[in-house]
Amino acid sequence: MLLKLVVFVVLLVVLVGAGGYFYGTTLEAKKVFSQTVSIKGDEDDVHKYIGDLKQWPEWGPWKDGDPEMTWTFSENTTEVGSWTKWVSKHGNGELKFTAVDPEKGVEYLFTIEGWEPQKGSIVYTDTKEGLNVTWNSDMDMSNSIMGRYFIKFGDAELNKMLTDGLSKLKTKVEAD
């Protein structure tokens, strides 16, 4: 009787695991998360925070979740190839600029240990009232079942992170 129970439990675990895996393969693998804020200021006002990686800890939302987070930076932090690395209880990672334009914004690769690099950008668009700043995170989890689950169930948290960061950026820029 005990052997039958063990076999049943093992089969149940295998079936649930296989079902979870196969369900994961049907989930959306790519998604662009995007949030925008209007800021009273111009490209120069915004770019001094966005275009210099040493400024990112000042406006980014990351310290809210881990006040002990630490960063290291490349020698130059304002040009293509510049990088920052961090150590955090939520995962260590790296962000590297792939494009920097003081009038249009930045593009970057964002990597958290254990995940494939993801593309992102922060784009500036002139408006009559000032500047729209749009933060995009292009998630491609084609090679990760867990990543697909993250896209499905973590989208609200990622959008909140982008919104919180942009809100802090707006506060900093408009206070200057």
N, C-alpha and C. Protein backbone atom coordinates (compact mmCIF):
# COMPACT_ATOMS: atom_id res chain seq x y z
N MET A 1 0.82 -1.20 0.00
CA MET A 1 0.00 0.00 0.00
C MET A 1 0.86 1.27 0.00
N LEU A 2 1.92 1.30 0.82
CA LEU A 2 2.82 2.45 0.88
C LEU A 2 3.51 2.67 -0.46
N LEU A 3 3.91 1.57 -1.11
CA LEU A 3 4.56 1.67 -2.41
C LEU A 3 3.62 2.29 -3.44
N LYS A 4 2.36 1.90 -3.43
CA LYS A 4 1.38 2.47 -4.36
C LYS A 4 1.21 3.97 -4.11
N LEU A 5 1.22 4.38 -2.86
CA LEU A 5 1.09 5.80 -2.51
C LEU A 5 2.30 6.58 -3.01
N VAL A 6 3.50 6.04 -2.82
CA VAL A 6 4.72 6.71 -3.28
C VAL A 6 4.70 6.83 -4.80
N VAL A 7 4.34 5.75 -5.49
CA VAL A 7 4.27 5.78 -6.96
C VAL A 7 3.24 6.81 -7.42
N PHE A 8 2.10 6.87 -6.76
CA PHE A 8 1.07 7.85 -7.10
C PHE A 8 1.58 9.27 -6.92
N VAL A 9 2.24 9.55 -5.81
CA VAL A 9 2.76 10.90 -5.54
C VAL A 9 3.82 11.26 -6.57
N VAL A 10 4.73 10.35 -6.88
CA VAL A 10 5.77 10.62 -7.88
C VAL A 10 5.13 10.90 -9.24
N LEU A 11 4.18 10.08 -9.64
CA LEU A 11 3.50 10.31 -10.93
C LEU A 11 2.77 11.65 -10.94
N LEU A 12 2.13 11.99 -9.84
CA LEU A 12 1.43 13.27 -9.75
C LEU A 12 2.39 14.43 -9.90
N VAL A 13 3.54 14.36 -9.23
CA VAL A 13 4.55 15.42 -9.33
C VAL A 13 5.05 15.53 -10.76
N VAL A 14 5.32 14.40 -11.40
CA VAL A 14 5.79 14.41 -12.80
C VAL A 14 4.74 15.01 -13.72
N LEU A 15 3.49 14.63 -13.55
CA LEU A 15 2.42 15.16 -14.40
C LEU A 15 2.22 16.66 -14.19
N VAL A 16 2.24 17.11 -12.95
CA VAL A 16 2.08 18.55 -12.68
C VAL A 16 3.27 19.32 -13.26
N GLY A 17 4.48 18.79 -13.07
CA GLY A 17 5.67 19.45 -13.61
C GLY A 17 5.63 19.52 -15.13
N ALA A 18 5.27 18.41 -15.76
CA ALA A 18 5.19 18.39 -17.23
C ALA A 18 4.09 19.33 -17.72
N GLY A 19 2.96 19.33 -17.02
CA GLY A 19 1.88 20.24 -17.39
C GLY A 19 2.30 21.69 -17.27
N GLY A 20 3.00 22.02 -16.19
CA GLY A 20 3.50 23.39 -16.00
C GLY A 20 4.48 23.78 -17.08
N TYR A 21 5.35 22.85 -17.46
CA TYR A 21 6.32 23.13 -18.52
C TYR A 21 5.61 23.36 -19.84
N PHE A 22 4.72 22.45 -20.21
CA PHE A 22 4.04 22.58 -21.51
C PHE A 22 3.13 23.81 -21.54
N TYR A 23 2.48 24.12 -20.44
CA TYR A 23 1.69 25.36 -20.38
C TYR A 23 2.61 26.56 -20.58
N GLY A 24 3.77 26.54 -19.95
CA GLY A 24 4.73 27.63 -20.09
C GLY A 24 5.15 27.87 -21.54
N THR A 25 5.23 26.79 -22.33
CA THR A 25 5.62 26.95 -23.74
C THR A 25 4.55 27.68 -24.54
N THR A 26 3.32 27.72 -24.03
CA THR A 26 2.24 28.41 -24.75
C THR A 26 2.13 29.89 -24.37
N LEU A 27 2.86 30.30 -23.33
CA LEU A 27 2.77 31.69 -22.86
C LEU A 27 3.53 32.63 -23.78
N GLU A 28 3.14 33.88 -23.75
CA GLU A 28 3.79 34.93 -24.53
C GLU A 28 5.28 34.97 -24.19
N ALA A 29 6.12 34.98 -25.23
CA ALA A 29 7.57 34.95 -25.03
C ALA A 29 8.20 36.34 -25.15
N LYS A 30 7.53 37.26 -25.82
CA LYS A 30 8.09 38.59 -26.04
C LYS A 30 7.04 39.64 -25.69
N LYS A 31 7.50 40.69 -25.01
CA LYS A 31 6.58 41.77 -24.67
C LYS A 31 7.40 43.03 -24.41
N VAL A 32 6.86 44.16 -24.84
CA VAL A 32 7.48 45.46 -24.55
C VAL A 32 6.67 46.11 -23.44
N PHE A 33 7.35 46.38 -22.34
CA PHE A 33 6.75 47.13 -21.24
C PHE A 33 7.14 48.58 -21.45
N SER A 34 6.20 49.49 -21.31
CA SER A 34 6.46 50.89 -21.62
C SER A 34 5.64 51.80 -20.73
N GLN A 35 6.31 52.80 -20.17
CA GLN A 35 5.65 53.81 -19.35
C GLN A 35 6.19 55.18 -19.76
N THR A 36 5.35 56.20 -19.70
CA THR A 36 5.73 57.56 -20.10
C THR A 36 5.33 58.54 -19.02
N VAL A 37 6.17 59.56 -18.86
CA VAL A 37 5.87 60.67 -17.95
C VAL A 37 6.15 61.98 -18.70
N SER A 38 5.35 63.00 -18.41
CA SER A 38 5.60 64.34 -18.96
C SER A 38 6.39 65.13 -17.91
N ILE A 39 7.48 65.75 -18.37
CA ILE A 39 8.36 66.49 -17.47
C ILE A 39 8.48 67.92 -17.98
N LYS A 40 8.36 68.87 -17.06
CA LYS A 40 8.59 70.28 -17.42
C LYS A 40 10.09 70.51 -17.41
N GLY A 41 10.65 70.48 -18.60
CA GLY A 41 12.08 70.64 -18.77
C GLY A 41 12.44 70.30 -20.20
N ASP A 42 13.73 70.31 -20.49
CA ASP A 42 14.17 69.96 -21.84
C ASP A 42 15.12 68.77 -21.81
N GLU A 43 15.63 68.42 -22.99
CA GLU A 43 16.50 67.26 -23.11
C GLU A 43 17.72 67.36 -22.19
N ASP A 44 18.33 68.55 -22.11
CA ASP A 44 19.51 68.71 -21.26
C ASP A 44 19.18 68.43 -19.80
N ASP A 45 18.02 68.92 -19.34
CA ASP A 45 17.61 68.71 -17.95
C ASP A 45 17.46 67.22 -17.64
N VAL A 46 16.86 66.49 -18.56
CA VAL A 46 16.60 65.06 -18.36
C VAL A 46 17.87 64.24 -18.59
N HIS A 47 18.62 64.60 -19.62
CA HIS A 47 19.77 63.77 -20.01
C HIS A 47 20.87 63.77 -18.94
N LYS A 48 20.94 64.81 -18.13
CA LYS A 48 21.98 64.77 -17.10
C LYS A 48 21.73 63.65 -16.09
N TYR A 49 20.48 63.20 -15.97
CA TYR A 49 20.16 62.06 -15.10
C TYR A 49 20.16 60.73 -15.85
N ILE A 50 19.66 60.76 -17.09
CA ILE A 50 19.55 59.52 -17.87
C ILE A 50 20.87 59.16 -18.54
N GLY A 51 21.58 60.14 -19.05
CA GLY A 51 22.79 59.90 -19.83
C GLY A 51 24.03 59.64 -19.01
N ASP A 52 23.93 59.65 -17.69
CA ASP A 52 25.08 59.37 -16.82
C ASP A 52 24.68 58.26 -15.86
N LEU A 53 25.26 57.09 -16.03
CA LEU A 53 24.88 55.94 -15.20
C LEU A 53 25.08 56.18 -13.71
N LYS A 54 25.99 57.06 -13.35
CA LYS A 54 26.19 57.34 -11.92
C LYS A 54 24.98 58.03 -11.31
N GLN A 55 24.11 58.60 -12.16
CA GLN A 55 22.89 59.25 -11.66
C GLN A 55 21.72 58.29 -11.51
N TRP A 56 21.78 57.11 -12.13
CA TRP A 56 20.65 56.19 -12.10
C TRP A 56 20.23 55.77 -10.69
N PRO A 57 21.16 55.53 -9.77
CA PRO A 57 20.72 55.18 -8.42
C PRO A 57 19.93 56.30 -7.74
N GLU A 58 20.11 57.54 -8.20
CA GLU A 58 19.43 58.69 -7.59
C GLU A 58 17.95 58.77 -7.95
N TRP A 59 17.58 58.27 -9.12
CA TRP A 59 16.17 58.36 -9.52
C TRP A 59 15.52 56.99 -9.76
N GLY A 60 16.32 55.97 -9.90
CA GLY A 60 15.76 54.65 -10.18
C GLY A 60 14.96 54.09 -9.01
N PRO A 61 14.09 53.15 -9.28
CA PRO A 61 13.22 52.59 -8.25
C PRO A 61 13.85 51.46 -7.43
N TRP A 62 15.07 51.09 -7.73
CA TRP A 62 15.64 49.87 -7.18
C TRP A 62 15.92 49.93 -5.68
N LYS A 63 16.33 51.06 -5.18
CA LYS A 63 16.65 51.16 -3.75
C LYS A 63 15.40 50.99 -2.88
N ASP A 64 14.22 51.22 -3.43
CA ASP A 64 12.99 51.02 -2.67
C ASP A 64 12.87 49.57 -2.20
N GLY A 65 13.27 48.64 -3.04
CA GLY A 65 13.17 47.23 -2.71
C GLY A 65 14.40 46.67 -2.02
N ASP A 66 15.52 47.41 -2.10
CA ASP A 66 16.76 46.94 -1.47
C ASP A 66 17.65 48.14 -1.16
N PRO A 67 17.46 48.75 0.00
CA PRO A 67 18.26 49.92 0.36
C PRO A 67 19.76 49.62 0.48
N GLU A 68 20.12 48.35 0.63
CA GLU A 68 21.53 47.95 0.77
C GLU A 68 22.20 47.68 -0.58
N MET A 69 21.48 47.86 -1.66
CA MET A 69 22.00 47.62 -3.00
C MET A 69 23.25 48.45 -3.24
N THR A 70 24.27 47.84 -3.88
CA THR A 70 25.51 48.57 -4.18
C THR A 70 25.78 48.52 -5.68
N TRP A 71 26.42 49.58 -6.18
CA TRP A 71 26.73 49.72 -7.60
C TRP A 71 28.24 49.91 -7.78
N THR A 72 28.74 49.44 -8.93
CA THR A 72 30.06 49.80 -9.41
C THR A 72 29.87 50.29 -10.84
N PHE A 73 30.80 51.13 -11.29
CA PHE A 73 30.65 51.79 -12.59
C PHE A 73 31.92 51.67 -13.40
N SER A 74 31.75 51.71 -14.72
CA SER A 74 32.90 51.80 -15.62
C SER A 74 33.55 53.16 -15.41
N GLU A 75 34.75 53.30 -15.93
CA GLU A 75 35.48 54.57 -15.75
C GLU A 75 34.69 55.74 -16.33
N ASN A 76 34.21 55.58 -17.56
CA ASN A 76 33.35 56.59 -18.17
C ASN A 76 31.92 56.08 -18.06
N THR A 77 31.00 56.94 -17.66
CA THR A 77 29.61 56.50 -17.44
C THR A 77 28.61 57.20 -18.34
N THR A 78 29.09 57.85 -19.41
CA THR A 78 28.19 58.66 -20.23
C THR A 78 28.23 58.34 -21.73
N GLU A 79 28.88 57.27 -22.11
CA GLU A 79 29.00 56.98 -23.54
C GLU A 79 28.66 55.52 -23.83
N VAL A 80 28.53 55.21 -25.12
CA VAL A 80 28.28 53.83 -25.54
C VAL A 80 29.37 52.94 -24.96
N GLY A 81 28.96 51.83 -24.40
CA GLY A 81 29.89 50.90 -23.76
C GLY A 81 30.02 51.11 -22.26
N SER A 82 29.56 52.26 -21.76
CA SER A 82 29.59 52.50 -20.31
C SER A 82 28.68 51.49 -19.62
N TRP A 83 29.05 51.10 -18.41
CA TRP A 83 28.27 50.09 -17.71
C TRP A 83 28.19 50.39 -16.22
N THR A 84 27.19 49.81 -15.61
CA THR A 84 27.08 49.74 -14.17
C THR A 84 26.72 48.32 -13.80
N LYS A 85 27.29 47.85 -12.70
CA LYS A 85 26.97 46.53 -12.17
C LYS A 85 26.45 46.73 -10.75
N TRP A 86 25.56 45.85 -10.32
CA TRP A 86 25.02 45.99 -8.97
C TRP A 86 24.95 44.63 -8.28
N VAL A 87 24.94 44.74 -6.96
CA VAL A 87 24.74 43.58 -6.09
C VAL A 87 23.50 43.90 -5.27
N SER A 88 22.53 42.98 -5.31
CA SER A 88 21.26 43.20 -4.65
C SER A 88 20.70 41.89 -4.12
N LYS A 89 19.90 41.97 -3.08
CA LYS A 89 19.25 40.77 -2.57
C LYS A 89 18.25 40.21 -3.58
N HIS A 90 17.85 41.01 -4.57
CA HIS A 90 16.90 40.57 -5.60
C HIS A 90 17.59 40.02 -6.83
N GLY A 91 18.91 40.05 -6.84
CA GLY A 91 19.67 39.55 -7.98
C GLY A 91 20.71 40.54 -8.43
N ASN A 92 21.87 40.03 -8.76
CA ASN A 92 22.96 40.87 -9.25
C ASN A 92 22.78 41.06 -10.75
N GLY A 93 23.33 42.16 -11.26
CA GLY A 93 23.16 42.39 -12.68
C GLY A 93 24.06 43.46 -13.24
N GLU A 94 23.80 43.77 -14.50
CA GLU A 94 24.59 44.76 -15.23
C GLU A 94 23.71 45.47 -16.24
N LEU A 95 23.98 46.75 -16.44
CA LEU A 95 23.33 47.54 -17.47
C LEU A 95 24.43 48.22 -18.27
N LYS A 96 24.35 48.10 -19.59
CA LYS A 96 25.38 48.68 -20.46
C LYS A 96 24.72 49.51 -21.56
N PHE A 97 25.18 50.76 -21.72
CA PHE A 97 24.68 51.62 -22.78
C PHE A 97 25.09 51.08 -24.14
N THR A 98 24.10 50.99 -25.06
CA THR A 98 24.38 50.61 -26.45
C THR A 98 24.17 51.78 -27.41
N ALA A 99 23.50 52.82 -26.95
CA ALA A 99 23.32 54.07 -27.72
C ALA A 99 23.09 55.19 -26.72
N VAL A 100 23.70 56.34 -27.00
CA VAL A 100 23.53 57.52 -26.14
C VAL A 100 23.39 58.72 -27.05
N ASP A 101 22.27 59.43 -26.94
CA ASP A 101 22.01 60.63 -27.73
C ASP A 101 21.37 61.66 -26.81
N PRO A 102 22.08 62.76 -26.51
CA PRO A 102 21.54 63.76 -25.57
C PRO A 102 20.20 64.36 -25.98
N GLU A 103 19.84 64.28 -27.27
CA GLU A 103 18.58 64.84 -27.73
C GLU A 103 17.46 63.81 -27.82
N LYS A 104 17.81 62.52 -27.90
CA LYS A 104 16.80 61.48 -28.10
C LYS A 104 16.69 60.48 -26.96
N GLY A 105 17.77 60.26 -26.20
CA GLY A 105 17.74 59.32 -25.09
C GLY A 105 18.83 58.27 -25.16
N VAL A 106 18.59 57.15 -24.49
CA VAL A 106 19.59 56.09 -24.42
C VAL A 106 18.94 54.74 -24.73
N GLU A 107 19.78 53.81 -25.17
CA GLU A 107 19.40 52.41 -25.31
C GLU A 107 20.41 51.61 -24.50
N TYR A 108 19.98 50.45 -24.01
CA TYR A 108 20.87 49.67 -23.15
C TYR A 108 20.54 48.19 -23.21
N LEU A 109 21.49 47.39 -22.74
CA LEU A 109 21.28 45.98 -22.46
C LEU A 109 21.27 45.83 -20.95
N PHE A 110 20.32 45.07 -20.46
CA PHE A 110 20.10 44.89 -19.03
C PHE A 110 20.17 43.39 -18.75
N THR A 111 21.06 42.98 -17.84
CA THR A 111 21.21 41.57 -17.56
C THR A 111 21.13 41.34 -16.06
N ILE A 112 20.30 40.40 -15.65
CA ILE A 112 20.28 39.92 -14.28
C ILE A 112 20.82 38.50 -14.31
N GLU A 113 21.66 38.17 -13.35
CA GLU A 113 22.27 36.83 -13.32
C GLU A 113 21.22 35.75 -13.52
N GLY A 114 21.55 34.82 -14.43
CA GLY A 114 20.66 33.70 -14.69
C GLY A 114 19.65 33.96 -15.81
N TRP A 115 19.59 35.17 -16.33
CA TRP A 115 18.64 35.52 -17.39
C TRP A 115 19.40 35.98 -18.61
N GLU A 116 18.76 35.86 -19.75
CA GLU A 116 19.33 36.39 -20.99
C GLU A 116 19.32 37.92 -20.94
N PRO A 117 20.28 38.58 -21.60
CA PRO A 117 20.25 40.05 -21.65
C PRO A 117 18.96 40.54 -22.31
N GLN A 118 18.43 41.63 -21.80
CA GLN A 118 17.21 42.24 -22.31
C GLN A 118 17.53 43.66 -22.80
N LYS A 119 16.83 44.09 -23.83
CA LYS A 119 17.02 45.44 -24.36
C LYS A 119 16.08 46.40 -23.66
N GLY A 120 16.53 47.64 -23.57
CA GLY A 120 15.69 48.68 -23.01
C GLY A 120 16.08 50.02 -23.59
N SER A 121 15.23 51.02 -23.36
CA SER A 121 15.53 52.37 -23.83
C SER A 121 14.77 53.37 -22.99
N ILE A 122 15.30 54.57 -22.96
CA ILE A 122 14.60 55.72 -22.40
C ILE A 122 14.66 56.80 -23.46
N VAL A 123 13.48 57.19 -23.96
CA VAL A 123 13.38 58.05 -25.14
C VAL A 123 12.75 59.38 -24.75
N TYR A 124 13.30 60.47 -25.29
CA TYR A 124 12.77 61.82 -25.05
C TYR A 124 12.00 62.28 -26.28
N THR A 125 10.82 62.86 -26.05
CA THR A 125 10.01 63.42 -27.13
C THR A 125 9.51 64.79 -26.70
N ASP A 126 9.83 65.81 -27.52
CA ASP A 126 9.37 67.18 -27.23
C ASP A 126 7.86 67.28 -27.29
N THR A 127 7.30 68.07 -26.38
CA THR A 127 5.88 68.41 -26.41
C THR A 127 5.77 69.91 -26.15
N LYS A 128 4.58 70.46 -26.30
CA LYS A 128 4.37 71.89 -26.02
C LYS A 128 4.62 72.21 -24.55
N GLU A 129 4.33 71.25 -23.67
CA GLU A 129 4.44 71.47 -22.23
C GLU A 129 5.83 71.15 -21.69
N GLY A 130 6.68 70.52 -22.47
CA GLY A 130 8.01 70.13 -21.99
C GLY A 130 8.52 68.92 -22.74
N LEU A 131 8.63 67.83 -22.02
CA LEU A 131 9.25 66.64 -22.60
C LEU A 131 8.51 65.39 -22.11
N ASN A 132 8.17 64.51 -23.04
CA ASN A 132 7.71 63.19 -22.66
C ASN A 132 8.92 62.28 -22.58
N VAL A 133 9.02 61.54 -21.50
CA VAL A 133 10.11 60.58 -21.32
C VAL A 133 9.47 59.21 -21.23
N THR A 134 9.85 58.33 -22.15
CA THR A 134 9.27 56.98 -22.22
C THR A 134 10.36 55.96 -21.91
N TRP A 135 10.07 55.11 -20.93
CA TRP A 135 10.98 54.04 -20.54
C TRP A 135 10.41 52.74 -21.07
N ASN A 136 11.18 52.08 -21.94
CA ASN A 136 10.78 50.82 -22.56
C ASN A 136 11.67 49.69 -22.07
N SER A 137 11.07 48.56 -21.80
CA SER A 137 11.81 47.35 -21.47
C SER A 137 11.31 46.26 -22.40
N ASP A 138 12.17 45.84 -23.33
CA ASP A 138 11.80 44.84 -24.34
C ASP A 138 12.19 43.46 -23.83
N MET A 139 11.22 42.71 -23.36
CA MET A 139 11.49 41.39 -22.80
C MET A 139 11.37 40.33 -23.89
N ASP A 140 12.41 39.53 -24.04
CA ASP A 140 12.39 38.39 -24.95
C ASP A 140 12.77 37.16 -24.13
N MET A 141 11.78 36.39 -23.78
CA MET A 141 11.99 35.20 -22.95
C MET A 141 11.77 33.92 -23.77
N SER A 142 12.11 33.98 -25.04
CA SER A 142 11.91 32.84 -25.93
C SER A 142 12.62 31.59 -25.42
N ASN A 143 13.75 31.76 -24.75
CA ASN A 143 14.54 30.62 -24.30
C ASN A 143 14.32 30.28 -22.83
N SER A 144 13.29 30.84 -22.20
CA SER A 144 13.11 30.63 -20.77
C SER A 144 11.63 30.43 -20.42
N ILE A 145 11.31 29.24 -19.97
CA ILE A 145 9.94 28.98 -19.53
C ILE A 145 9.62 29.84 -18.31
N MET A 146 10.56 29.93 -17.35
CA MET A 146 10.33 30.77 -16.17
C MET A 146 10.15 32.23 -16.57
N GLY A 147 10.91 32.69 -17.58
CA GLY A 147 10.77 34.05 -18.06
C GLY A 147 9.39 34.30 -18.65
N ARG A 148 8.83 33.32 -19.31
CA ARG A 148 7.48 33.46 -19.86
C ARG A 148 6.45 33.60 -18.74
N TYR A 149 6.65 32.85 -17.67
CA TYR A 149 5.77 33.01 -16.50
C TYR A 149 5.95 34.41 -15.91
N PHE A 150 7.19 34.92 -15.92
CA PHE A 150 7.43 36.28 -15.42
C PHE A 150 6.66 37.30 -16.24
N ILE A 151 6.70 37.17 -17.57
CA ILE A 151 5.95 38.10 -18.43
C ILE A 151 4.47 38.04 -18.09
N LYS A 152 3.94 36.84 -17.87
CA LYS A 152 2.51 36.69 -17.60
C LYS A 152 2.13 37.25 -16.23
N PHE A 153 2.90 36.93 -15.21
CA PHE A 153 2.48 37.27 -13.85
C PHE A 153 3.26 38.43 -13.23
N GLY A 154 4.35 38.87 -13.88
CA GLY A 154 5.16 39.94 -13.31
C GLY A 154 4.99 41.28 -14.00
N ASP A 155 4.07 41.37 -14.96
CA ASP A 155 3.95 42.60 -15.73
C ASP A 155 3.51 43.78 -14.87
N ALA A 156 2.63 43.57 -13.92
CA ALA A 156 2.19 44.69 -13.07
C ALA A 156 3.36 45.22 -12.25
N GLU A 157 4.19 44.33 -11.74
CA GLU A 157 5.35 44.75 -10.93
C GLU A 157 6.36 45.51 -11.79
N LEU A 158 6.63 45.03 -13.00
CA LEU A 158 7.58 45.71 -13.87
C LEU A 158 7.06 47.07 -14.29
N ASN A 159 5.78 47.16 -14.65
CA ASN A 159 5.21 48.47 -15.00
C ASN A 159 5.25 49.43 -13.82
N LYS A 160 5.02 48.93 -12.61
CA LYS A 160 5.11 49.76 -11.41
C LYS A 160 6.53 50.27 -11.22
N MET A 161 7.52 49.39 -11.45
CA MET A 161 8.92 49.80 -11.32
C MET A 161 9.25 50.92 -12.30
N LEU A 162 8.81 50.78 -13.55
CA LEU A 162 9.08 51.81 -14.55
C LEU A 162 8.39 53.13 -14.16
N THR A 163 7.14 53.04 -13.73
CA THR A 163 6.39 54.23 -13.32
C THR A 163 7.04 54.91 -12.12
N ASP A 164 7.45 54.13 -11.13
CA ASP A 164 8.09 54.70 -9.94
C ASP A 164 9.39 55.41 -10.30
N GLY A 165 10.19 54.80 -11.17
CA GLY A 165 11.45 55.42 -11.59
C GLY A 165 11.20 56.72 -12.34
N LEU A 166 10.25 56.72 -13.25
CA LEU A 166 9.94 57.94 -13.99
C LEU A 166 9.39 59.03 -13.09
N SER A 167 8.62 58.65 -12.10
CA SER A 167 8.08 59.63 -11.15
C SER A 167 9.21 60.29 -10.36
N LYS A 168 10.16 59.49 -9.93
CA LYS A 168 11.32 60.04 -9.20
C LYS A 168 12.16 60.93 -10.12
N LEU A 169 12.31 60.51 -11.37
CA LEU A 169 13.05 61.32 -12.34
C LEU A 169 12.37 62.67 -12.51
N LYS A 170 11.06 62.66 -12.69
CA LYS A 170 10.29 63.89 -12.86
C LYS A 170 10.51 64.82 -11.65
N THR A 171 10.42 64.27 -10.46
CA THR A 171 10.62 65.06 -9.24
C THR A 171 11.99 65.71 -9.23
N LYS A 172 13.03 64.93 -9.55
CA LYS A 172 14.41 65.46 -9.56
C LYS A 172 14.58 66.56 -10.60
N VAL A 173 14.13 66.29 -11.83
CA VAL A 173 14.32 67.26 -12.92
C VAL A 173 13.56 68.55 -12.62
N GLU A 174 12.33 68.43 -12.20
CA GLU A 174 11.51 69.63 -11.96
C GLU A 174 11.94 70.39 -10.71
N ALA A 175 12.63 69.73 -9.79
CA ALA A 175 13.16 70.42 -8.60
C ALA A 175 14.38 71.26 -8.95
N ASP A 176 15.10 70.84 -9.99
CA ASP A 176 16.28 71.61 -10.43
C ASP A 176 15.80 72.86 -11.07
